N, C-alpha and C. Protein backbone atom coordinates (compact mmCIF):
# COMPACT_ATOMS: atom_id res chain seq x y z
N MET A 1 -73.29 -34.92 -140.96
CA MET A 1 -73.21 -33.69 -140.54
C MET A 1 -72.16 -33.42 -139.76
N LEU A 2 -71.24 -32.40 -140.40
CA LEU A 2 -70.03 -31.97 -139.84
C LEU A 2 -70.20 -31.02 -138.71
N ASN A 3 -69.60 -31.28 -137.74
CA ASN A 3 -69.76 -30.12 -136.54
C ASN A 3 -68.48 -30.37 -135.60
N LYS A 4 -67.36 -30.02 -135.87
CA LYS A 4 -66.12 -30.25 -135.49
C LYS A 4 -66.13 -30.01 -133.79
N VAL A 5 -66.70 -28.91 -133.48
CA VAL A 5 -66.80 -28.38 -132.17
C VAL A 5 -67.76 -29.55 -131.30
N PHE A 6 -68.75 -29.74 -131.80
CA PHE A 6 -69.59 -30.92 -131.02
C PHE A 6 -68.76 -32.00 -130.84
N TYR A 7 -68.17 -32.56 -131.89
CA TYR A 7 -67.49 -34.02 -131.80
C TYR A 7 -66.22 -33.75 -131.01
N GLY A 8 -65.70 -32.45 -131.00
CA GLY A 8 -64.53 -32.09 -130.10
C GLY A 8 -65.00 -32.55 -128.50
N LEU A 9 -66.04 -31.80 -128.32
CA LEU A 9 -66.80 -32.09 -126.86
C LEU A 9 -67.06 -33.51 -126.67
N LYS A 10 -67.55 -34.43 -127.62
CA LYS A 10 -67.93 -35.65 -127.46
C LYS A 10 -66.49 -36.63 -127.28
N ARG A 11 -65.55 -36.11 -128.04
CA ARG A 11 -64.24 -36.82 -127.89
C ARG A 11 -63.82 -36.68 -126.44
N ARG A 12 -63.82 -35.46 -125.70
CA ARG A 12 -63.36 -34.92 -124.53
C ARG A 12 -64.37 -35.62 -123.33
N GLY A 13 -65.55 -36.27 -123.86
CA GLY A 13 -66.47 -36.80 -122.91
C GLY A 13 -67.21 -35.68 -122.15
N LYS A 14 -67.30 -34.36 -122.62
CA LYS A 14 -67.59 -33.20 -121.85
C LYS A 14 -69.08 -32.68 -122.50
N ALA A 15 -69.72 -33.33 -123.21
CA ALA A 15 -70.86 -32.72 -124.15
C ALA A 15 -71.83 -32.57 -123.00
N GLU A 16 -71.98 -33.52 -122.13
CA GLU A 16 -72.77 -33.57 -121.26
C GLU A 16 -72.74 -32.48 -120.12
N ASP A 17 -71.43 -32.35 -119.99
CA ASP A 17 -71.22 -31.21 -118.85
C ASP A 17 -71.42 -29.90 -119.66
N VAL A 18 -71.54 -29.59 -120.75
CA VAL A 18 -71.87 -28.27 -121.09
C VAL A 18 -73.11 -28.18 -121.57
N SER A 19 -73.89 -29.31 -121.94
CA SER A 19 -75.53 -29.27 -122.37
C SER A 19 -76.25 -29.35 -121.17
N LYS A 20 -76.16 -29.41 -119.92
CA LYS A 20 -77.03 -29.74 -118.78
C LYS A 20 -78.33 -29.14 -119.09
N GLY A 21 -79.06 -30.15 -119.44
CA GLY A 21 -80.54 -29.87 -119.52
C GLY A 21 -81.07 -29.42 -120.89
N LEU A 22 -79.79 -29.26 -121.82
CA LEU A 22 -80.12 -28.91 -123.34
C LEU A 22 -80.32 -30.19 -124.09
N SER A 23 -81.03 -30.05 -125.03
CA SER A 23 -81.39 -31.03 -126.01
C SER A 23 -79.96 -31.22 -126.87
N GLU A 24 -79.75 -32.26 -127.48
CA GLU A 24 -78.80 -32.47 -128.32
C GLU A 24 -78.81 -31.31 -129.55
N GLU A 25 -79.95 -31.30 -129.92
CA GLU A 25 -80.08 -30.42 -131.08
C GLU A 25 -79.61 -28.91 -130.56
N LYS A 26 -80.02 -28.47 -129.36
CA LYS A 26 -79.50 -27.27 -128.97
C LYS A 26 -78.22 -27.04 -128.96
N ILE A 27 -77.42 -28.17 -128.07
CA ILE A 27 -76.21 -28.22 -128.11
C ILE A 27 -75.17 -28.26 -129.32
N ARG A 28 -75.77 -28.78 -130.48
CA ARG A 28 -75.19 -28.91 -131.56
C ARG A 28 -75.30 -27.47 -132.29
N LYS A 29 -76.29 -26.70 -132.06
CA LYS A 29 -76.55 -25.28 -132.73
C LYS A 29 -75.58 -24.29 -131.80
N LEU A 30 -75.45 -24.75 -130.71
CA LEU A 30 -74.52 -23.87 -129.63
C LEU A 30 -72.96 -24.09 -130.22
N CYS A 31 -72.52 -25.25 -130.54
CA CYS A 31 -71.34 -25.69 -131.09
C CYS A 31 -71.05 -25.01 -132.50
N LEU A 32 -72.06 -24.89 -133.31
CA LEU A 32 -71.94 -24.32 -134.65
C LEU A 32 -71.70 -22.87 -134.37
N ALA A 33 -72.45 -22.14 -133.40
CA ALA A 33 -72.21 -20.93 -133.21
C ALA A 33 -71.09 -20.44 -132.73
N ALA A 34 -70.48 -21.48 -131.72
CA ALA A 34 -69.21 -20.96 -130.99
C ALA A 34 -68.10 -21.17 -132.03
N GLY A 35 -68.17 -22.01 -133.13
CA GLY A 35 -67.40 -22.25 -134.09
C GLY A 35 -67.26 -21.09 -135.04
N LEU A 36 -68.45 -20.63 -135.43
CA LEU A 36 -68.49 -19.30 -136.43
C LEU A 36 -67.75 -18.08 -135.65
N MET A 37 -68.33 -18.05 -134.31
CA MET A 37 -67.63 -16.98 -133.75
C MET A 37 -66.09 -16.99 -133.55
N THR A 38 -65.71 -18.08 -133.16
CA THR A 38 -64.14 -18.40 -133.32
C THR A 38 -63.57 -18.10 -134.69
N ARG A 39 -64.08 -18.39 -135.73
CA ARG A 39 -63.61 -18.02 -137.09
C ARG A 39 -63.56 -16.45 -137.13
N ILE A 40 -64.36 -15.69 -136.53
CA ILE A 40 -64.22 -14.44 -136.60
C ILE A 40 -63.17 -13.77 -135.59
N ALA A 41 -62.85 -14.35 -134.41
CA ALA A 41 -61.77 -14.09 -133.46
C ALA A 41 -60.33 -14.47 -134.08
N GLN A 42 -60.45 -15.58 -135.04
CA GLN A 42 -59.28 -16.12 -135.49
C GLN A 42 -58.95 -15.30 -136.90
N ALA A 43 -59.70 -14.50 -137.32
CA ALA A 43 -59.75 -13.90 -138.80
C ALA A 43 -58.27 -13.17 -138.87
N ASP A 44 -57.75 -12.45 -137.95
CA ASP A 44 -56.60 -11.66 -138.02
C ASP A 44 -55.42 -12.32 -137.42
N ASP A 45 -55.64 -13.65 -137.25
CA ASP A 45 -54.24 -14.42 -136.94
C ASP A 45 -54.19 -14.49 -135.49
N LYS A 46 -54.97 -13.60 -134.74
CA LYS A 46 -54.56 -13.65 -133.13
C LYS A 46 -56.02 -13.41 -132.34
N VAL A 47 -56.10 -14.14 -131.24
CA VAL A 47 -57.38 -14.43 -130.78
C VAL A 47 -56.84 -13.51 -129.29
N SER A 48 -57.61 -12.32 -128.87
CA SER A 48 -57.69 -11.62 -127.95
C SER A 48 -58.43 -12.42 -126.79
N SER A 49 -57.89 -11.89 -125.25
CA SER A 49 -58.84 -12.20 -124.26
C SER A 49 -60.11 -11.71 -124.44
N SER A 50 -60.27 -10.36 -124.82
CA SER A 50 -61.50 -9.66 -125.00
C SER A 50 -62.41 -10.35 -126.13
N GLU A 51 -61.87 -10.94 -127.20
CA GLU A 51 -62.68 -11.72 -128.21
C GLU A 51 -63.16 -12.91 -127.64
N LYS A 52 -62.38 -13.83 -126.70
CA LYS A 52 -62.88 -14.97 -126.08
C LYS A 52 -63.83 -14.50 -125.12
N LEU A 53 -63.78 -13.50 -124.33
CA LEU A 53 -64.86 -13.18 -123.56
C LEU A 53 -66.12 -12.57 -124.21
N ALA A 54 -65.91 -12.03 -125.25
CA ALA A 54 -66.99 -11.77 -125.99
C ALA A 54 -67.77 -12.91 -126.67
N ILE A 55 -67.12 -13.98 -126.88
CA ILE A 55 -67.99 -15.04 -127.34
C ILE A 55 -68.30 -15.89 -126.18
N GLN A 56 -67.86 -15.95 -125.08
CA GLN A 56 -68.46 -16.36 -123.75
C GLN A 56 -69.50 -15.70 -123.29
N VAL A 57 -69.58 -14.26 -123.57
CA VAL A 57 -70.70 -13.53 -123.07
C VAL A 57 -72.17 -13.93 -124.03
N ALA A 58 -71.63 -13.94 -125.23
CA ALA A 58 -72.72 -14.23 -126.14
C ALA A 58 -73.39 -15.57 -125.96
N LEU A 59 -72.51 -16.51 -125.63
CA LEU A 59 -73.11 -17.91 -125.25
C LEU A 59 -73.94 -18.00 -124.03
N THR A 60 -73.44 -17.21 -123.08
CA THR A 60 -74.31 -17.07 -121.81
C THR A 60 -75.64 -16.26 -122.09
N LYS A 61 -75.41 -15.30 -122.62
CA LYS A 61 -76.66 -14.38 -122.91
C LYS A 61 -77.58 -14.97 -123.89
N GLY A 62 -77.04 -15.14 -125.06
CA GLY A 62 -77.92 -15.52 -126.23
C GLY A 62 -78.25 -16.86 -126.10
N TRP A 63 -77.63 -18.01 -125.61
CA TRP A 63 -77.96 -19.09 -125.30
C TRP A 63 -78.20 -19.88 -123.99
N SER A 64 -78.23 -18.88 -123.05
CA SER A 64 -78.43 -19.09 -121.57
C SER A 64 -77.36 -20.34 -121.09
N LEU A 65 -76.33 -20.35 -121.74
CA LEU A 65 -75.19 -21.30 -121.11
C LEU A 65 -74.66 -20.78 -120.04
N GLY A 66 -74.11 -21.56 -118.64
CA GLY A 66 -73.40 -20.93 -117.75
C GLY A 66 -72.07 -20.56 -118.15
N PRO A 67 -71.55 -19.72 -117.26
CA PRO A 67 -70.23 -19.03 -117.45
C PRO A 67 -68.98 -20.09 -117.75
N LYS A 68 -69.08 -21.08 -116.76
CA LYS A 68 -68.14 -21.95 -117.09
C LYS A 68 -68.27 -23.02 -118.19
N GLU A 69 -69.41 -23.40 -118.42
CA GLU A 69 -69.68 -24.03 -119.75
C GLU A 69 -69.49 -23.38 -121.01
N ALA A 70 -69.75 -22.08 -120.92
CA ALA A 70 -69.38 -21.18 -122.19
C ALA A 70 -67.68 -21.09 -122.22
N GLU A 71 -67.12 -20.95 -121.12
CA GLU A 71 -65.53 -20.90 -121.30
C GLU A 71 -64.93 -22.21 -121.65
N PHE A 72 -65.56 -23.21 -121.38
CA PHE A 72 -65.28 -24.65 -121.74
C PHE A 72 -65.50 -24.87 -123.38
N LEU A 73 -66.59 -24.41 -123.63
CA LEU A 73 -67.00 -24.40 -125.14
C LEU A 73 -65.95 -23.53 -125.92
N VAL A 74 -65.69 -22.44 -125.68
CA VAL A 74 -64.85 -21.54 -126.26
C VAL A 74 -63.61 -22.13 -126.51
N HIS A 75 -62.91 -22.64 -125.46
CA HIS A 75 -61.71 -23.44 -125.48
C HIS A 75 -61.76 -24.69 -126.40
N VAL A 76 -62.63 -25.43 -126.50
CA VAL A 76 -62.95 -26.45 -127.46
C VAL A 76 -62.81 -26.05 -128.77
N ALA A 77 -63.75 -24.94 -129.09
CA ALA A 77 -63.68 -24.16 -130.41
C ALA A 77 -62.44 -23.74 -130.84
N LEU A 78 -61.88 -23.10 -129.99
CA LEU A 78 -60.31 -22.58 -130.36
C LEU A 78 -59.49 -23.53 -130.69
N GLN A 79 -59.55 -24.87 -130.24
CA GLN A 79 -58.90 -25.92 -130.70
C GLN A 79 -59.49 -26.55 -131.93
N GLU A 80 -60.50 -26.72 -131.95
CA GLU A 80 -61.27 -27.49 -133.25
C GLU A 80 -61.46 -26.51 -134.44
N ILE A 81 -61.44 -25.15 -134.43
CA ILE A 81 -61.76 -24.48 -135.50
C ILE A 81 -60.43 -23.89 -136.28
N THR A 82 -59.82 -24.89 -137.04
CA THR A 82 -58.43 -24.67 -137.74
C THR A 82 -58.66 -24.10 -139.12
N PRO A 83 -57.65 -23.80 -139.93
CA PRO A 83 -57.70 -23.51 -141.26
C PRO A 83 -58.34 -24.60 -142.18
N ASP A 84 -58.10 -25.68 -141.93
CA ASP A 84 -58.70 -26.83 -142.75
C ASP A 84 -60.01 -27.08 -142.48
N VAL A 85 -60.94 -26.42 -141.35
CA VAL A 85 -62.34 -26.62 -141.28
C VAL A 85 -63.16 -26.38 -142.67
N ASP A 86 -64.14 -27.03 -143.06
CA ASP A 86 -64.98 -26.68 -144.24
C ASP A 86 -65.95 -25.57 -143.62
N TYR A 87 -65.47 -24.38 -143.75
CA TYR A 87 -66.35 -23.24 -143.29
C TYR A 87 -67.78 -23.21 -144.07
N TYR A 88 -67.84 -23.79 -145.29
CA TYR A 88 -69.13 -23.78 -146.26
C TYR A 88 -69.95 -24.61 -145.34
N ARG A 89 -69.63 -25.78 -144.93
CA ARG A 89 -70.49 -26.70 -144.41
C ARG A 89 -70.80 -26.12 -143.04
N LEU A 90 -69.99 -25.70 -142.14
CA LEU A 90 -70.13 -24.97 -140.83
C LEU A 90 -71.34 -24.02 -140.96
N THR A 91 -71.52 -23.29 -141.80
CA THR A 91 -72.35 -22.03 -142.08
C THR A 91 -73.55 -22.77 -142.70
N ARG A 92 -73.43 -23.67 -143.53
CA ARG A 92 -74.86 -24.36 -144.20
C ARG A 92 -75.48 -25.23 -142.97
N ASN A 93 -74.71 -25.81 -142.10
CA ASN A 93 -75.31 -26.46 -140.83
C ASN A 93 -75.85 -25.65 -139.94
N PHE A 94 -75.30 -24.35 -139.66
CA PHE A 94 -75.68 -23.44 -138.67
C PHE A 94 -77.14 -22.89 -139.28
N TYR A 95 -77.02 -22.73 -140.77
CA TYR A 95 -78.40 -22.07 -141.36
C TYR A 95 -79.39 -23.13 -141.21
N GLY A 96 -79.24 -24.60 -141.24
CA GLY A 96 -80.36 -25.44 -141.00
C GLY A 96 -80.86 -25.67 -139.80
N HIS A 97 -80.01 -25.09 -138.64
CA HIS A 97 -80.55 -25.13 -137.34
C HIS A 97 -81.07 -23.82 -136.70
N THR A 98 -81.20 -22.79 -137.71
CA THR A 98 -81.59 -21.51 -137.10
C THR A 98 -82.85 -20.70 -137.92
N THR A 99 -83.56 -20.03 -137.53
CA THR A 99 -84.44 -19.18 -138.24
C THR A 99 -83.99 -18.15 -138.66
N GLU A 100 -84.58 -17.33 -139.80
CA GLU A 100 -84.10 -16.25 -140.31
C GLU A 100 -83.86 -15.02 -139.21
N ASP A 101 -84.57 -14.96 -138.19
CA ASP A 101 -84.42 -13.81 -137.24
C ASP A 101 -83.15 -14.29 -136.35
N GLU A 102 -82.96 -15.56 -136.07
CA GLU A 102 -81.65 -15.96 -135.12
C GLU A 102 -80.57 -15.53 -136.13
N ARG A 103 -80.56 -15.77 -137.50
CA ARG A 103 -79.29 -15.59 -138.36
C ARG A 103 -78.99 -14.09 -138.32
N ARG A 104 -80.19 -13.34 -138.50
CA ARG A 104 -80.05 -11.77 -138.53
C ARG A 104 -79.25 -11.38 -137.47
N ARG A 105 -79.88 -11.75 -136.15
CA ARG A 105 -79.28 -11.55 -134.87
C ARG A 105 -77.98 -11.88 -134.72
N PHE A 106 -77.68 -13.14 -135.24
CA PHE A 106 -76.28 -13.72 -135.00
C PHE A 106 -75.09 -12.81 -135.81
N ILE A 107 -75.62 -12.00 -136.81
CA ILE A 107 -74.52 -11.26 -137.59
C ILE A 107 -74.06 -10.07 -136.62
N ASP A 108 -75.08 -9.53 -135.68
CA ASP A 108 -74.87 -8.62 -134.77
C ASP A 108 -73.58 -9.19 -133.65
N VAL A 109 -74.00 -10.38 -133.32
CA VAL A 109 -73.05 -11.07 -132.28
C VAL A 109 -71.67 -11.16 -133.06
N LEU A 110 -71.51 -11.64 -134.38
CA LEU A 110 -70.20 -11.56 -135.08
C LEU A 110 -69.67 -10.49 -135.07
N PHE A 111 -70.43 -9.32 -135.36
CA PHE A 111 -69.61 -7.93 -135.45
C PHE A 111 -69.22 -7.68 -133.75
N ALA A 112 -69.84 -8.10 -132.88
CA ALA A 112 -69.53 -7.69 -131.52
C ALA A 112 -68.23 -8.53 -131.10
N VAL A 113 -67.96 -9.64 -131.67
CA VAL A 113 -67.01 -10.37 -131.32
C VAL A 113 -65.78 -9.71 -132.21
N GLY A 114 -65.78 -9.14 -133.26
CA GLY A 114 -64.91 -8.76 -134.11
C GLY A 114 -64.31 -7.37 -133.36
N ALA A 115 -65.42 -6.43 -132.76
CA ALA A 115 -65.08 -5.38 -132.18
C ALA A 115 -64.73 -5.49 -130.83
N ALA A 116 -64.32 -6.45 -130.30
CA ALA A 116 -64.02 -6.84 -128.87
C ALA A 116 -62.71 -6.48 -128.31
N ASP A 117 -61.88 -6.49 -129.58
CA ASP A 117 -60.65 -5.94 -129.24
C ASP A 117 -60.19 -4.57 -129.74
N GLY A 118 -61.25 -3.85 -129.95
CA GLY A 118 -61.30 -2.31 -130.19
C GLY A 118 -61.70 -1.96 -131.61
N MET A 119 -61.50 -2.99 -132.32
CA MET A 119 -62.12 -2.59 -133.75
C MET A 119 -62.05 -3.81 -134.59
N VAL A 120 -63.35 -3.65 -135.53
CA VAL A 120 -63.26 -4.67 -136.51
C VAL A 120 -62.44 -4.49 -137.73
N THR A 121 -61.30 -5.61 -137.92
CA THR A 121 -60.47 -5.44 -138.89
C THR A 121 -60.97 -5.84 -140.19
N GLN A 122 -60.30 -5.36 -141.35
CA GLN A 122 -60.77 -5.68 -142.62
C GLN A 122 -61.00 -7.36 -142.83
N ASP A 123 -60.25 -8.06 -142.26
CA ASP A 123 -60.14 -9.57 -142.40
C ASP A 123 -61.22 -9.94 -141.59
N GLU A 124 -61.67 -9.36 -140.51
CA GLU A 124 -62.94 -9.76 -139.61
C GLU A 124 -64.26 -9.31 -140.57
N MET A 125 -64.09 -8.14 -141.09
CA MET A 125 -65.25 -7.74 -141.70
C MET A 125 -65.65 -8.53 -142.95
N ARG A 126 -64.50 -9.13 -143.56
CA ARG A 126 -64.60 -9.89 -144.80
C ARG A 126 -65.29 -11.40 -144.42
N GLU A 127 -64.72 -11.73 -143.29
CA GLU A 127 -65.27 -13.08 -142.88
C GLU A 127 -66.65 -12.98 -142.39
N ILE A 128 -67.06 -11.96 -141.75
CA ILE A 128 -68.49 -11.87 -141.18
C ILE A 128 -69.36 -11.55 -142.61
N HIS A 129 -69.01 -10.84 -143.58
CA HIS A 129 -69.50 -10.76 -144.80
C HIS A 129 -69.84 -11.91 -145.50
N ASP A 130 -68.71 -12.82 -145.58
CA ASP A 130 -68.74 -14.17 -146.05
C ASP A 130 -70.02 -15.11 -145.22
N ILE A 131 -69.83 -15.17 -144.07
CA ILE A 131 -70.65 -15.81 -143.32
C ILE A 131 -72.26 -15.35 -143.54
N SER A 132 -72.41 -14.11 -143.37
CA SER A 132 -73.66 -13.47 -143.94
C SER A 132 -74.33 -13.95 -144.98
N LYS A 133 -73.35 -13.87 -145.97
CA LYS A 133 -73.69 -14.59 -147.38
C LYS A 133 -74.25 -15.85 -147.34
N SER A 134 -73.43 -16.55 -146.69
CA SER A 134 -73.70 -18.32 -146.68
C SER A 134 -75.00 -18.39 -145.65
N LEU A 135 -75.29 -17.55 -144.80
CA LEU A 135 -76.47 -17.67 -143.89
C LEU A 135 -77.74 -17.05 -144.65
N LYS A 136 -77.42 -16.59 -146.00
CA LYS A 136 -78.54 -16.11 -146.52
C LYS A 136 -79.08 -14.78 -145.92
N VAL A 137 -78.25 -13.98 -145.02
CA VAL A 137 -78.69 -12.79 -144.52
C VAL A 137 -78.94 -11.51 -145.64
N SER A 138 -79.62 -10.82 -145.51
CA SER A 138 -79.75 -9.87 -146.67
C SER A 138 -78.45 -8.76 -146.42
N GLN A 139 -78.19 -8.18 -147.57
CA GLN A 139 -77.20 -7.17 -147.71
C GLN A 139 -77.65 -6.17 -146.86
N ARG A 140 -79.00 -5.66 -146.93
CA ARG A 140 -79.51 -4.64 -146.04
C ARG A 140 -79.29 -5.19 -144.48
N ASP A 141 -79.57 -6.29 -144.08
CA ASP A 141 -79.27 -6.57 -142.74
C ASP A 141 -77.94 -6.51 -142.25
N TYR A 142 -76.96 -7.14 -143.00
CA TYR A 142 -75.58 -6.87 -142.90
C TYR A 142 -75.07 -5.66 -142.77
N VAL A 143 -75.52 -4.52 -143.57
CA VAL A 143 -75.18 -3.23 -143.47
C VAL A 143 -75.66 -2.61 -142.05
N LEU A 144 -76.86 -2.92 -141.77
CA LEU A 144 -77.37 -2.65 -140.48
C LEU A 144 -76.85 -2.92 -139.30
N ALA A 145 -76.19 -4.25 -139.34
CA ALA A 145 -75.32 -4.65 -138.31
C ALA A 145 -74.17 -3.93 -138.06
N LYS A 146 -73.46 -3.99 -139.22
CA LYS A 146 -72.30 -3.01 -139.48
C LYS A 146 -72.51 -2.00 -139.00
N GLY A 147 -73.59 -1.21 -139.13
CA GLY A 147 -73.74 0.34 -138.87
C GLY A 147 -73.77 0.50 -137.40
N LYS A 148 -74.45 -0.64 -136.71
CA LYS A 148 -74.54 -0.64 -135.31
C LYS A 148 -73.37 -0.63 -134.42
N ILE A 149 -72.25 -1.36 -134.94
CA ILE A 149 -70.92 -1.46 -134.37
C ILE A 149 -70.12 -0.03 -134.79
N ALA A 150 -70.55 0.51 -135.65
CA ALA A 150 -69.75 1.85 -136.02
C ALA A 150 -70.30 2.86 -135.27
N SER A 151 -71.82 2.69 -134.99
CA SER A 151 -72.36 3.66 -134.16
C SER A 151 -71.97 3.62 -132.66
N ALA A 152 -71.93 2.35 -132.18
CA ALA A 152 -71.43 1.99 -130.64
C ALA A 152 -69.78 2.54 -130.65
N ASN A 153 -69.23 2.22 -131.59
CA ASN A 153 -67.63 2.63 -131.61
C ASN A 153 -67.56 4.36 -131.52
N ARG A 154 -68.24 4.93 -131.93
CA ARG A 154 -68.45 6.33 -132.19
C ARG A 154 -68.84 6.87 -130.76
N GLU A 155 -69.70 6.12 -130.22
CA GLU A 155 -70.16 6.62 -128.65
C GLU A 155 -68.96 6.36 -127.83
N ASN A 156 -68.07 5.33 -127.95
CA ASN A 156 -67.03 5.08 -126.86
C ASN A 156 -66.02 5.98 -127.08
C-alpha cells in the first residue's frame, strides 16, 4: 500500500510523535487525508498560510490530532505530495480506510481547504471533483458540499 506521507513520517522517525495513542491504522488514515488535502492546497501551484492552517484545523478537529502534531504532519505532507505521486492510489487507499459517511464529510473538508485563501479556484474545484469521483462520492453529495462553500462565501 502506497502512503508517501506515512512513510515520510517513518523515515523521519516521527510517526510515533504524531500518533501518540493512535493505532497505526488511524495514523495511516490521517496521512492519507493530509495528502489529499495537500493536493487541493497545491492545485493552483501555491500553498497559502491560510490553506496550511485549514489543513491543520481539519486534522485537529476531525481527527483529534494535537496542534503541534497537525502542524508537523502538514509539513511532511507538503514535502511528500509531489506531482509524481500516484493520486489514484492515494484516493483508493483513503477509500479503503473510510466509511461512506466519512468520505462524504471529507469532501466538505476539501472545499474548506480550497476556500481558505478566499475562494476555490477552478483548478482546486477540478481536483476536488476528481477526488470525489475516486472516492465514489455521489455527484449529489459533491454538489451539496460545493453549495455549502458558496453559501458560506456569500455570508462573508
